Amino acid sequence: MLTIALFGTSADPPTIGHLEILRSLSPQFDEIAVWAADNPFKADQTPLEHRTQMLRLLIQDLHCPKHNVWVYPELSHARTVVTVERAKQRWQGAEFTLIVGFDVARQLPKWFHVEELLQHVNVLIVPRSGYSLDAADVERLRQMGATVAIAEIAVPEVSSTAYRTQEDLTGVTHAIQAYIDREQLYGCDVPIKKQPVH
């Protein structure tokens, strides 16, 4: 059976932490479907088209032997249950695993039609710096019908929020930083240097 990891993210911008998560997941699945998502719990997000393009740039820096990580903008929807239905139509008969961070895992019980969603996906929870998930949180998901596992992934201590609010430029790849500069995202007012024409 084809195994598909579903990795939607509202990352704004995506960081080297997301890069390492994808790199670690690649050997474990036949394919990893990635998309930029609007999180109903967040406000004032950068438009999806910019976040989608930054995800494409992130994946170009992966260099995974399997070459099995791809961006699927058509999967993006504010309701994950709709995304999963779209994925089921695209990969009929596949086994799906929803990838979420510790922070998102704690929000899962509040998601739209979560019981229906959990009937169609396994849940793999990825550790995230600054967040904890106790046994009661995991047990609550299992009582709702979830098949849950905790990923053993060492994720760098970087975050999109730190990039935006603390100007921590170490959290993104060079390609993403260049895109941010070119598109003048996040209030960037640094003039872009024109490259010489050869």
N, C-alpha and C. Protein backbone atom coordinates (compact mmCIF):
# COMPACT_ATOMS: atom_id res chain seq x y z
N MET A 1 0.84 -1.20 0.00
CA MET A 1 0.00 0.00 0.00
C MET A 1 0.88 1.25 0.00
N LEU A 2 0.51 2.21 -0.81
CA LEU A 2 1.23 3.48 -0.90
C LEU A 2 1.06 4.24 0.41
N THR A 3 2.17 4.73 0.95
CA THR A 3 2.11 5.51 2.19
C THR A 3 2.40 6.98 1.87
N ILE A 4 1.48 7.85 2.29
CA ILE A 4 1.58 9.27 2.00
C ILE A 4 1.59 10.05 3.31
N ALA A 5 2.61 10.88 3.49
CA ALA A 5 2.63 11.81 4.62
C ALA A 5 2.02 13.12 4.18
N LEU A 6 1.10 13.63 4.96
CA LEU A 6 0.43 14.90 4.66
C LEU A 6 1.02 15.97 5.57
N PHE A 7 1.74 16.91 4.97
CA PHE A 7 2.48 17.91 5.72
C PHE A 7 2.03 19.31 5.30
N GLY A 8 0.92 19.74 5.86
CA GLY A 8 0.47 21.10 5.64
C GLY A 8 1.06 21.99 6.71
N THR A 9 1.45 23.19 6.35
CA THR A 9 2.04 24.07 7.35
C THR A 9 1.62 25.52 7.11
N SER A 10 1.36 26.20 8.22
CA SER A 10 1.08 27.63 8.15
C SER A 10 2.34 28.44 8.40
N ALA A 11 3.50 27.77 8.36
CA ALA A 11 4.79 28.41 8.60
C ALA A 11 4.93 29.69 7.78
N ASP A 12 5.39 30.74 8.45
CA ASP A 12 5.36 32.06 7.82
C ASP A 12 6.57 32.87 8.29
N PRO A 13 7.77 32.59 7.75
CA PRO A 13 8.11 31.73 6.61
C PRO A 13 8.50 30.32 7.07
N PRO A 14 8.59 29.36 6.13
CA PRO A 14 9.12 28.04 6.48
C PRO A 14 10.60 28.16 6.85
N THR A 15 11.04 27.34 7.79
CA THR A 15 12.38 27.46 8.35
C THR A 15 13.22 26.20 8.10
N ILE A 16 14.47 26.28 8.56
CA ILE A 16 15.34 25.09 8.46
C ILE A 16 14.82 23.98 9.38
N GLY A 17 13.99 24.32 10.34
CA GLY A 17 13.35 23.29 11.15
C GLY A 17 12.42 22.44 10.29
N HIS A 18 11.64 23.07 9.42
CA HIS A 18 10.77 22.33 8.51
C HIS A 18 11.60 21.51 7.53
N LEU A 19 12.73 22.06 7.12
CA LEU A 19 13.63 21.34 6.22
C LEU A 19 14.10 20.03 6.85
N GLU A 20 14.50 20.09 8.12
CA GLU A 20 14.98 18.89 8.80
C GLU A 20 13.87 17.89 9.05
N ILE A 21 12.67 18.38 9.31
CA ILE A 21 11.53 17.47 9.47
C ILE A 21 11.30 16.69 8.18
N LEU A 22 11.26 17.40 7.05
CA LEU A 22 11.04 16.75 5.76
C LEU A 22 12.16 15.78 5.43
N ARG A 23 13.38 16.18 5.74
CA ARG A 23 14.53 15.30 5.47
C ARG A 23 14.43 14.00 6.28
N SER A 24 13.97 14.11 7.52
CA SER A 24 13.82 12.92 8.37
C SER A 24 12.65 12.04 7.95
N LEU A 25 11.59 12.67 7.45
CA LEU A 25 10.39 11.92 7.05
C LEU A 25 10.56 11.20 5.72
N SER A 26 11.38 11.76 4.84
CA SER A 26 11.49 11.24 3.47
C SER A 26 11.72 9.73 3.39
N PRO A 27 12.65 9.15 4.18
CA PRO A 27 12.86 7.70 4.07
C PRO A 27 11.71 6.85 4.59
N GLN A 28 10.80 7.46 5.36
CA GLN A 28 9.76 6.69 6.03
C GLN A 28 8.48 6.53 5.21
N PHE A 29 8.33 7.31 4.13
CA PHE A 29 7.10 7.29 3.36
C PHE A 29 7.40 7.18 1.87
N ASP A 30 6.40 6.69 1.13
CA ASP A 30 6.55 6.66 -0.32
C ASP A 30 6.53 8.06 -0.90
N GLU A 31 5.70 8.93 -0.33
CA GLU A 31 5.64 10.30 -0.80
C GLU A 31 5.24 11.22 0.35
N ILE A 32 5.75 12.45 0.31
CA ILE A 32 5.36 13.47 1.27
C ILE A 32 4.71 14.61 0.50
N ALA A 33 3.45 14.86 0.80
CA ALA A 33 2.69 15.92 0.16
C ALA A 33 2.71 17.14 1.07
N VAL A 34 3.23 18.25 0.54
CA VAL A 34 3.42 19.47 1.31
C VAL A 34 2.54 20.57 0.72
N TRP A 35 1.99 21.41 1.58
CA TRP A 35 1.23 22.56 1.10
C TRP A 35 1.25 23.65 2.17
N ALA A 36 1.08 24.88 1.73
CA ALA A 36 0.93 26.01 2.65
C ALA A 36 -0.54 26.11 3.04
N ALA A 37 -0.77 26.30 4.33
CA ALA A 37 -2.14 26.31 4.83
C ALA A 37 -2.42 27.60 5.57
N ASP A 38 -3.68 28.01 5.56
CA ASP A 38 -4.13 29.09 6.42
C ASP A 38 -4.65 28.47 7.71
N ASN A 39 -4.08 28.90 8.81
CA ASN A 39 -4.48 28.40 10.12
C ASN A 39 -5.59 29.28 10.68
N PRO A 40 -6.78 28.71 10.93
CA PRO A 40 -7.89 29.52 11.47
C PRO A 40 -7.58 30.16 12.81
N PHE A 41 -6.54 29.65 13.52
CA PHE A 41 -6.18 30.17 14.83
C PHE A 41 -5.15 31.30 14.73
N LYS A 42 -4.72 31.63 13.50
CA LYS A 42 -3.72 32.70 13.30
C LYS A 42 -4.32 33.81 12.46
N ALA A 43 -3.81 35.03 12.69
CA ALA A 43 -4.29 36.18 11.92
C ALA A 43 -3.13 36.81 11.15
N ASP A 44 -3.47 37.59 10.14
CA ASP A 44 -2.48 38.38 9.38
C ASP A 44 -1.36 37.53 8.80
N GLN A 45 -1.71 36.45 8.16
CA GLN A 45 -0.70 35.60 7.54
C GLN A 45 -0.31 36.14 6.16
N THR A 46 0.93 35.87 5.77
CA THR A 46 1.40 36.21 4.43
C THR A 46 0.57 35.42 3.42
N PRO A 47 0.23 36.01 2.26
CA PRO A 47 -0.60 35.30 1.28
C PRO A 47 -0.06 33.91 0.93
N LEU A 48 -0.98 32.99 0.69
CA LEU A 48 -0.62 31.60 0.40
C LEU A 48 0.37 31.46 -0.74
N GLU A 49 0.22 32.29 -1.79
CA GLU A 49 1.10 32.11 -2.95
C GLU A 49 2.56 32.34 -2.58
N HIS A 50 2.83 33.28 -1.66
CA HIS A 50 4.21 33.50 -1.21
C HIS A 50 4.71 32.33 -0.36
N ARG A 51 3.87 31.88 0.55
CA ARG A 51 4.30 30.76 1.41
C ARG A 51 4.47 29.47 0.60
N THR A 52 3.65 29.30 -0.41
CA THR A 52 3.78 28.14 -1.30
C THR A 52 5.11 28.18 -2.05
N GLN A 53 5.45 29.35 -2.58
CA GLN A 53 6.71 29.48 -3.30
C GLN A 53 7.90 29.25 -2.36
N MET A 54 7.82 29.72 -1.13
CA MET A 54 8.92 29.50 -0.18
C MET A 54 9.05 28.02 0.16
N LEU A 55 7.94 27.29 0.21
CA LEU A 55 8.02 25.84 0.43
C LEU A 55 8.72 25.16 -0.74
N ARG A 56 8.43 25.60 -1.96
CA ARG A 56 9.11 25.04 -3.13
C ARG A 56 10.62 25.26 -3.04
N LEU A 57 11.00 26.47 -2.63
CA LEU A 57 12.42 26.77 -2.48
C LEU A 57 13.05 25.92 -1.38
N LEU A 58 12.32 25.70 -0.29
CA LEU A 58 12.81 24.87 0.80
C LEU A 58 13.09 23.45 0.31
N ILE A 59 12.15 22.90 -0.45
CA ILE A 59 12.28 21.52 -0.93
C ILE A 59 13.44 21.38 -1.90
N GLN A 60 13.74 22.43 -2.65
CA GLN A 60 14.89 22.38 -3.56
C GLN A 60 16.20 22.19 -2.79
N ASP A 61 16.22 22.59 -1.53
CA ASP A 61 17.43 22.43 -0.71
C ASP A 61 17.48 21.11 0.05
N LEU A 62 16.49 20.24 -0.16
CA LEU A 62 16.43 18.98 0.58
C LEU A 62 17.52 17.99 0.17
N HIS A 63 17.64 17.76 -1.13
CA HIS A 63 18.62 16.79 -1.66
C HIS A 63 18.43 15.40 -1.04
N CYS A 64 17.17 14.93 -0.99
CA CYS A 64 16.89 13.59 -0.47
C CYS A 64 17.05 12.56 -1.58
N PRO A 65 17.68 11.42 -1.28
CA PRO A 65 17.87 10.39 -2.30
C PRO A 65 16.58 9.92 -2.96
N LYS A 66 15.48 9.88 -2.21
CA LYS A 66 14.22 9.36 -2.76
C LYS A 66 13.49 10.36 -3.65
N HIS A 67 13.80 11.64 -3.55
CA HIS A 67 13.10 12.68 -4.34
C HIS A 67 11.58 12.48 -4.26
N ASN A 68 11.08 12.38 -3.04
CA ASN A 68 9.66 12.05 -2.85
C ASN A 68 8.89 13.11 -2.08
N VAL A 69 9.42 14.34 -2.05
CA VAL A 69 8.75 15.43 -1.36
C VAL A 69 8.32 16.46 -2.41
N TRP A 70 7.01 16.74 -2.44
CA TRP A 70 6.46 17.62 -3.47
C TRP A 70 5.43 18.57 -2.87
N VAL A 71 5.31 19.75 -3.46
CA VAL A 71 4.31 20.73 -3.03
C VAL A 71 3.04 20.52 -3.85
N TYR A 72 1.91 20.44 -3.15
CA TYR A 72 0.59 20.27 -3.78
C TYR A 72 -0.34 21.39 -3.31
N PRO A 73 -0.29 22.55 -3.97
CA PRO A 73 -1.15 23.67 -3.53
C PRO A 73 -2.63 23.33 -3.55
N GLU A 74 -3.02 22.40 -4.43
CA GLU A 74 -4.44 22.06 -4.53
C GLU A 74 -4.98 21.35 -3.29
N LEU A 75 -4.09 20.90 -2.41
CA LEU A 75 -4.54 20.27 -1.16
C LEU A 75 -4.89 21.30 -0.10
N SER A 76 -4.45 22.53 -0.28
CA SER A 76 -4.61 23.54 0.75
C SER A 76 -6.08 23.90 0.97
N HIS A 77 -6.48 23.87 2.23
CA HIS A 77 -7.82 24.28 2.63
C HIS A 77 -7.77 24.59 4.12
N ALA A 78 -8.59 25.53 4.56
CA ALA A 78 -8.61 25.89 5.98
C ALA A 78 -9.09 24.74 6.85
N ARG A 79 -9.83 23.81 6.27
CA ARG A 79 -10.33 22.64 7.00
C ARG A 79 -9.56 21.40 6.55
N THR A 80 -8.81 20.80 7.45
CA THR A 80 -7.97 19.66 7.09
C THR A 80 -8.80 18.47 6.63
N VAL A 81 -10.01 18.34 7.12
CA VAL A 81 -10.86 17.24 6.69
C VAL A 81 -11.13 17.34 5.18
N VAL A 82 -11.21 18.56 4.65
CA VAL A 82 -11.39 18.75 3.21
C VAL A 82 -10.10 18.39 2.48
N THR A 83 -8.97 18.78 3.03
CA THR A 83 -7.68 18.43 2.44
C THR A 83 -7.53 16.92 2.32
N VAL A 84 -7.89 16.21 3.37
CA VAL A 84 -7.75 14.75 3.35
C VAL A 84 -8.67 14.14 2.31
N GLU A 85 -9.86 14.67 2.15
CA GLU A 85 -10.77 14.17 1.11
C GLU A 85 -10.15 14.38 -0.27
N ARG A 86 -9.52 15.51 -0.48
CA ARG A 86 -8.84 15.76 -1.76
C ARG A 86 -7.68 14.78 -1.97
N ALA A 87 -6.94 14.52 -0.90
CA ALA A 87 -5.83 13.57 -0.99
C ALA A 87 -6.33 12.16 -1.30
N LYS A 88 -7.44 11.77 -0.70
CA LYS A 88 -8.01 10.44 -0.96
C LYS A 88 -8.44 10.29 -2.41
N GLN A 89 -8.91 11.37 -3.01
CA GLN A 89 -9.29 11.31 -4.42
C GLN A 89 -8.07 11.20 -5.32
N ARG A 90 -6.98 11.86 -4.91
CA ARG A 90 -5.76 11.84 -5.73
C ARG A 90 -5.03 10.51 -5.60
N TRP A 91 -4.88 10.00 -4.36
CA TRP A 91 -4.15 8.75 -4.12
C TRP A 91 -5.13 7.71 -3.56
N GLN A 92 -5.92 7.15 -4.42
CA GLN A 92 -6.95 6.21 -3.97
C GLN A 92 -6.31 4.95 -3.39
N GLY A 93 -6.79 4.56 -2.23
CA GLY A 93 -6.31 3.35 -1.58
C GLY A 93 -5.03 3.51 -0.79
N ALA A 94 -4.49 4.73 -0.72
CA ALA A 94 -3.25 4.97 0.02
C ALA A 94 -3.52 5.05 1.52
N GLU A 95 -2.45 4.87 2.30
CA GLU A 95 -2.51 5.08 3.75
C GLU A 95 -1.94 6.46 4.03
N PHE A 96 -2.69 7.27 4.78
CA PHE A 96 -2.30 8.64 5.02
C PHE A 96 -1.88 8.86 6.46
N THR A 97 -0.82 9.64 6.63
CA THR A 97 -0.36 10.04 7.96
C THR A 97 -0.28 11.55 8.00
N LEU A 98 -1.01 12.14 8.91
CA LEU A 98 -1.01 13.59 9.09
C LEU A 98 0.15 13.96 10.01
N ILE A 99 1.01 14.87 9.54
CA ILE A 99 2.16 15.31 10.33
C ILE A 99 1.81 16.62 11.02
N VAL A 100 1.93 16.65 12.35
CA VAL A 100 1.64 17.87 13.11
C VAL A 100 2.70 18.07 14.18
N GLY A 101 2.93 19.33 14.55
CA GLY A 101 3.83 19.64 15.64
C GLY A 101 3.13 19.53 16.98
N PHE A 102 3.92 19.56 18.05
CA PHE A 102 3.35 19.48 19.40
C PHE A 102 2.28 20.54 19.62
N ASP A 103 2.55 21.77 19.13
CA ASP A 103 1.61 22.86 19.34
C ASP A 103 0.27 22.59 18.66
N VAL A 104 0.35 22.08 17.43
CA VAL A 104 -0.88 21.79 16.67
C VAL A 104 -1.60 20.58 17.24
N ALA A 105 -0.85 19.61 17.74
CA ALA A 105 -1.46 18.40 18.31
C ALA A 105 -2.39 18.75 19.46
N ARG A 106 -2.03 19.77 20.21
CA ARG A 106 -2.88 20.17 21.34
C ARG A 106 -4.15 20.86 20.86
N GLN A 107 -4.12 21.41 19.64
CA GLN A 107 -5.31 22.06 19.07
C GLN A 107 -6.23 21.07 18.36
N LEU A 108 -5.70 19.91 18.03
CA LEU A 108 -6.46 18.94 17.21
C LEU A 108 -7.87 18.67 17.71
N PRO A 109 -8.10 18.45 19.00
CA PRO A 109 -9.46 18.17 19.44
C PRO A 109 -10.47 19.26 19.11
N LYS A 110 -10.00 20.48 18.82
CA LYS A 110 -10.90 21.60 18.50
C LYS A 110 -11.13 21.73 16.99
N TRP A 111 -10.49 20.91 16.19
CA TRP A 111 -10.59 21.04 14.74
C TRP A 111 -11.98 20.67 14.24
N PHE A 112 -12.33 21.21 13.11
CA PHE A 112 -13.61 20.97 12.45
C PHE A 112 -13.73 19.49 12.06
N HIS A 113 -14.81 18.84 12.52
CA HIS A 113 -15.08 17.43 12.22
C HIS A 113 -13.88 16.54 12.49
N VAL A 114 -13.26 16.74 13.66
CA VAL A 114 -12.01 16.02 13.95
C VAL A 114 -12.22 14.51 14.03
N GLU A 115 -13.37 14.06 14.54
CA GLU A 115 -13.60 12.61 14.63
C GLU A 115 -13.61 11.97 13.25
N GLU A 116 -14.25 12.64 12.31
CA GLU A 116 -14.26 12.15 10.93
C GLU A 116 -12.84 12.14 10.35
N LEU A 117 -12.11 13.21 10.59
CA LEU A 117 -10.73 13.31 10.10
C LEU A 117 -9.88 12.16 10.60
N LEU A 118 -9.99 11.86 11.90
CA LEU A 118 -9.13 10.84 12.51
C LEU A 118 -9.47 9.42 12.05
N GLN A 119 -10.59 9.25 11.40
CA GLN A 119 -10.92 7.94 10.83
C GLN A 119 -10.12 7.65 9.56
N HIS A 120 -9.57 8.70 8.95
CA HIS A 120 -8.94 8.54 7.64
C HIS A 120 -7.42 8.74 7.65
N VAL A 121 -6.86 9.15 8.79
CA VAL A 121 -5.41 9.38 8.84
C VAL A 121 -4.83 8.84 10.14
N ASN A 122 -3.56 8.44 10.07
CA ASN A 122 -2.76 8.27 11.27
C ASN A 122 -2.22 9.66 11.62
N VAL A 123 -1.77 9.83 12.86
CA VAL A 123 -1.22 11.11 13.28
C VAL A 123 0.21 10.89 13.78
N LEU A 124 1.15 11.62 13.19
CA LEU A 124 2.54 11.58 13.63
C LEU A 124 2.87 12.97 14.18
N ILE A 125 3.21 13.01 15.46
CA ILE A 125 3.46 14.28 16.14
C ILE A 125 4.96 14.53 16.22
N VAL A 126 5.36 15.71 15.75
CA VAL A 126 6.77 16.08 15.70
C VAL A 126 7.09 17.02 16.87
N PRO A 127 8.16 16.74 17.63
CA PRO A 127 8.54 17.63 18.73
C PRO A 127 8.82 19.04 18.22
N ARG A 128 8.55 20.02 19.08
CA ARG A 128 8.83 21.41 18.73
C ARG A 128 9.36 22.13 19.96
N SER A 129 10.44 22.85 19.76
CA SER A 129 11.07 23.58 20.86
C SER A 129 10.08 24.55 21.49
N GLY A 130 10.04 24.53 22.83
CA GLY A 130 9.16 25.46 23.54
C GLY A 130 7.77 24.92 23.79
N TYR A 131 7.48 23.72 23.29
CA TYR A 131 6.16 23.13 23.47
C TYR A 131 6.31 21.74 24.08
N SER A 132 5.34 21.37 24.89
CA SER A 132 5.34 20.03 25.46
C SER A 132 3.98 19.38 25.19
N LEU A 133 4.01 18.08 25.21
CA LEU A 133 2.79 17.29 25.00
C LEU A 133 2.81 16.18 26.02
N ASP A 134 1.86 16.19 26.95
CA ASP A 134 1.90 15.16 27.98
C ASP A 134 1.05 13.97 27.58
N ALA A 135 1.13 12.93 28.39
CA ALA A 135 0.44 11.67 28.09
C ALA A 135 -1.07 11.87 28.00
N ALA A 136 -1.60 12.79 28.78
CA ALA A 136 -3.05 13.03 28.76
C ALA A 136 -3.48 13.59 27.41
N ASP A 137 -2.64 14.45 26.79
CA ASP A 137 -2.97 15.00 25.47
C ASP A 137 -3.04 13.88 24.43
N VAL A 138 -2.06 12.98 24.48
CA VAL A 138 -2.02 11.87 23.53
C VAL A 138 -3.19 10.93 23.77
N GLU A 139 -3.47 10.65 25.02
CA GLU A 139 -4.58 9.74 25.35
C GLU A 139 -5.92 10.33 24.90
N ARG A 140 -6.06 11.63 25.02
CA ARG A 140 -7.30 12.27 24.57
C ARG A 140 -7.50 12.06 23.08
N LEU A 141 -6.43 12.19 22.30
CA LEU A 141 -6.52 11.96 20.86
C LEU A 141 -6.88 10.51 20.57
N ARG A 142 -6.29 9.59 21.30
CA ARG A 142 -6.58 8.16 21.09
C ARG A 142 -8.03 7.84 21.43
N GLN A 143 -8.55 8.48 22.46
CA GLN A 143 -9.95 8.26 22.82
C GLN A 143 -10.90 8.79 21.75
N MET A 144 -10.40 9.75 20.95
CA MET A 144 -11.20 10.30 19.85
C MET A 144 -11.07 9.44 18.59
N GLY A 145 -10.27 8.38 18.68
CA GLY A 145 -10.13 7.46 17.55
C GLY A 145 -8.83 7.57 16.78
N ALA A 146 -7.90 8.39 17.27
CA ALA A 146 -6.66 8.60 16.54
C ALA A 146 -5.67 7.47 16.76
N THR A 147 -4.93 7.13 15.70
CA THR A 147 -3.75 6.29 15.80
C THR A 147 -2.58 7.25 15.84
N VAL A 148 -1.92 7.35 17.00
CA VAL A 148 -0.93 8.40 17.25
C VAL A 148 0.45 7.81 17.49
N ALA A 149 1.46 8.48 16.94
CA ALA A 149 2.85 8.16 17.23
C ALA A 149 3.62 9.46 17.40
N ILE A 150 4.71 9.42 18.17
CA ILE A 150 5.58 10.57 18.35
C ILE A 150 6.83 10.35 17.52
N ALA A 151 7.15 11.31 16.66
CA ALA A 151 8.32 11.18 15.79
C ALA A 151 9.60 11.37 16.59
N GLU A 152 10.62 10.62 16.20
CA GLU A 152 11.94 10.78 16.82
C GLU A 152 12.80 11.60 15.86
N ILE A 153 12.59 12.90 15.92
CA ILE A 153 13.27 13.83 15.03
C ILE A 153 13.89 14.94 15.88
N ALA A 154 15.17 15.24 15.63
CA ALA A 154 15.83 16.36 16.29
C ALA A 154 15.61 17.60 15.43
N VAL A 155 14.76 18.48 15.90
CA VAL A 155 14.41 19.68 15.13
C VAL A 155 15.20 20.87 15.65
N PRO A 156 15.88 21.62 14.77
CA PRO A 156 16.62 22.81 15.23
C PRO A 156 15.71 23.79 15.97
N GLU A 157 16.27 24.50 16.92
CA GLU A 157 15.50 25.45 17.72
C GLU A 157 15.38 26.78 16.98
N VAL A 158 14.57 26.77 15.94
CA VAL A 158 14.28 27.97 15.17
C VAL A 158 12.77 28.05 15.02
N SER A 159 12.28 29.25 14.72
CA SER A 159 10.84 29.38 14.51
C SER A 159 10.54 30.52 13.56
N SER A 160 9.41 30.41 12.89
CA SER A 160 8.95 31.48 12.01
C SER A 160 8.68 32.76 12.80
N THR A 161 8.14 32.60 13.99
CA THR A 161 7.83 33.76 14.83
C THR A 161 9.10 34.52 15.19
N ALA A 162 10.16 33.77 15.56
CA ALA A 162 11.43 34.42 15.90
C ALA A 162 11.99 35.16 14.69
N TYR A 163 11.80 34.59 13.51
CA TYR A 163 12.28 35.27 12.30
C TYR A 163 11.55 36.61 12.13
N ARG A 164 10.22 36.59 12.29
CA ARG A 164 9.43 37.80 12.05
C ARG A 164 9.59 38.85 13.15
N THR A 165 9.65 38.41 14.41
CA THR A 165 9.60 39.36 15.51
C THR A 165 10.97 39.70 16.09
N GLN A 166 11.92 38.78 15.99
CA GLN A 166 13.24 39.01 16.57
C GLN A 166 14.32 39.17 15.50
N GLU A 167 13.89 39.14 14.24
CA GLU A 167 14.81 39.29 13.12
C GLU A 167 15.95 38.27 13.19
N ASP A 168 15.60 37.03 13.56
CA ASP A 168 16.57 35.94 13.61
C ASP A 168 16.69 35.34 12.22
N LEU A 169 17.66 35.83 11.45
CA LEU A 169 17.80 35.42 10.06
C LEU A 169 18.42 34.05 9.91
N THR A 170 18.88 33.43 11.00
CA THR A 170 19.51 32.11 10.91
C THR A 170 18.49 31.01 10.68
N GLY A 171 17.21 31.32 10.82
CA GLY A 171 16.19 30.29 10.75
C GLY A 171 15.75 29.89 9.36
N VAL A 172 16.15 30.65 8.32
CA VAL A 172 15.69 30.34 6.98
C VAL A 172 16.88 30.06 6.06
N THR A 173 16.60 29.38 4.96
CA THR A 173 17.64 29.07 3.99
C THR A 173 18.00 30.33 3.20
N HIS A 174 19.14 30.29 2.52
CA HIS A 174 19.57 31.44 1.71
C HIS A 174 18.55 31.73 0.60
N ALA A 175 18.02 30.67 -0.01
CA ALA A 175 17.06 30.86 -1.11
C ALA A 175 15.79 31.54 -0.62
N ILE A 176 15.32 31.15 0.55
CA ILE A 176 14.11 31.76 1.10
C ILE A 176 14.39 33.21 1.50
N GLN A 177 15.56 33.47 2.08
CA GLN A 177 15.89 34.85 2.44
C GLN A 177 15.95 35.73 1.20
N ALA A 178 16.51 35.21 0.13
CA ALA A 178 16.58 35.98 -1.11
C ALA A 178 15.17 36.27 -1.64
N TYR A 179 14.27 35.29 -1.52
CA TYR A 179 12.89 35.49 -1.97
C TYR A 179 12.21 36.56 -1.11
N ILE A 180 12.42 36.48 0.20
CA ILE A 180 11.82 37.47 1.12
C ILE A 180 12.31 38.87 0.78
N ASP A 181 13.62 38.99 0.51
CA ASP A 181 14.18 40.30 0.16
C ASP A 181 13.59 40.81 -1.15
N ARG A 182 13.51 39.91 -2.14
CA ARG A 182 13.02 40.31 -3.45
C ARG A 182 11.56 40.75 -3.41
N GLU A 183 10.74 40.02 -2.63
CA GLU A 183 9.31 40.30 -2.56
C GLU A 183 8.96 41.32 -1.47
N GLN A 184 9.98 41.73 -0.70
CA GLN A 184 9.78 42.71 0.36
C GLN A 184 8.72 42.25 1.37
N LEU A 185 8.87 41.02 1.83
CA LEU A 185 7.94 40.45 2.82
C LEU A 185 8.37 40.82 4.24
N TYR A 186 7.47 40.72 5.17
CA TYR A 186 7.71 40.93 6.60
C TYR A 186 8.25 42.31 6.91
N GLY A 187 7.80 43.30 6.15
CA GLY A 187 8.22 44.67 6.43
C GLY A 187 9.67 44.94 6.09
N CYS A 188 10.23 44.09 5.27
CA CYS A 188 11.63 44.25 4.88
C CYS A 188 11.79 45.56 4.11
N ASP A 189 12.72 46.40 4.56
CA ASP A 189 12.95 47.65 3.84
C ASP A 189 14.41 47.78 3.39
N VAL A 190 15.08 46.64 3.33
CA VAL A 190 16.47 46.64 2.86
C VAL A 190 16.46 46.69 1.34
N PRO A 191 17.16 47.64 0.74
CA PRO A 191 17.16 47.68 -0.73
C PRO A 191 17.79 46.46 -1.32
N ILE A 192 17.19 45.97 -2.41
CA ILE A 192 17.69 44.77 -3.06
C ILE A 192 18.83 45.15 -3.99
N LYS A 193 19.93 44.44 -3.87
CA LYS A 193 21.07 44.68 -4.74
C LYS A 193 20.83 44.01 -6.08
N LYS A 194 20.99 44.77 -7.14
CA LYS A 194 20.84 44.20 -8.47
C LYS A 194 22.08 43.40 -8.82
N GLN A 195 21.84 42.21 -9.36
CA GLN A 195 22.95 41.35 -9.78
C GLN A 195 23.47 41.81 -11.13
N PRO A 196 24.79 41.76 -11.33
CA PRO A 196 25.33 42.14 -12.64
C PRO A 196 24.84 41.21 -13.72
N VAL A 197 24.63 41.74 -14.91
CA VAL A 197 24.19 40.95 -16.05
C VAL A 197 25.43 40.43 -16.79
N HIS A 198 25.48 39.14 -17.04
CA HIS A 198 26.63 38.55 -17.74
C HIS A 198 26.23 38.14 -19.13
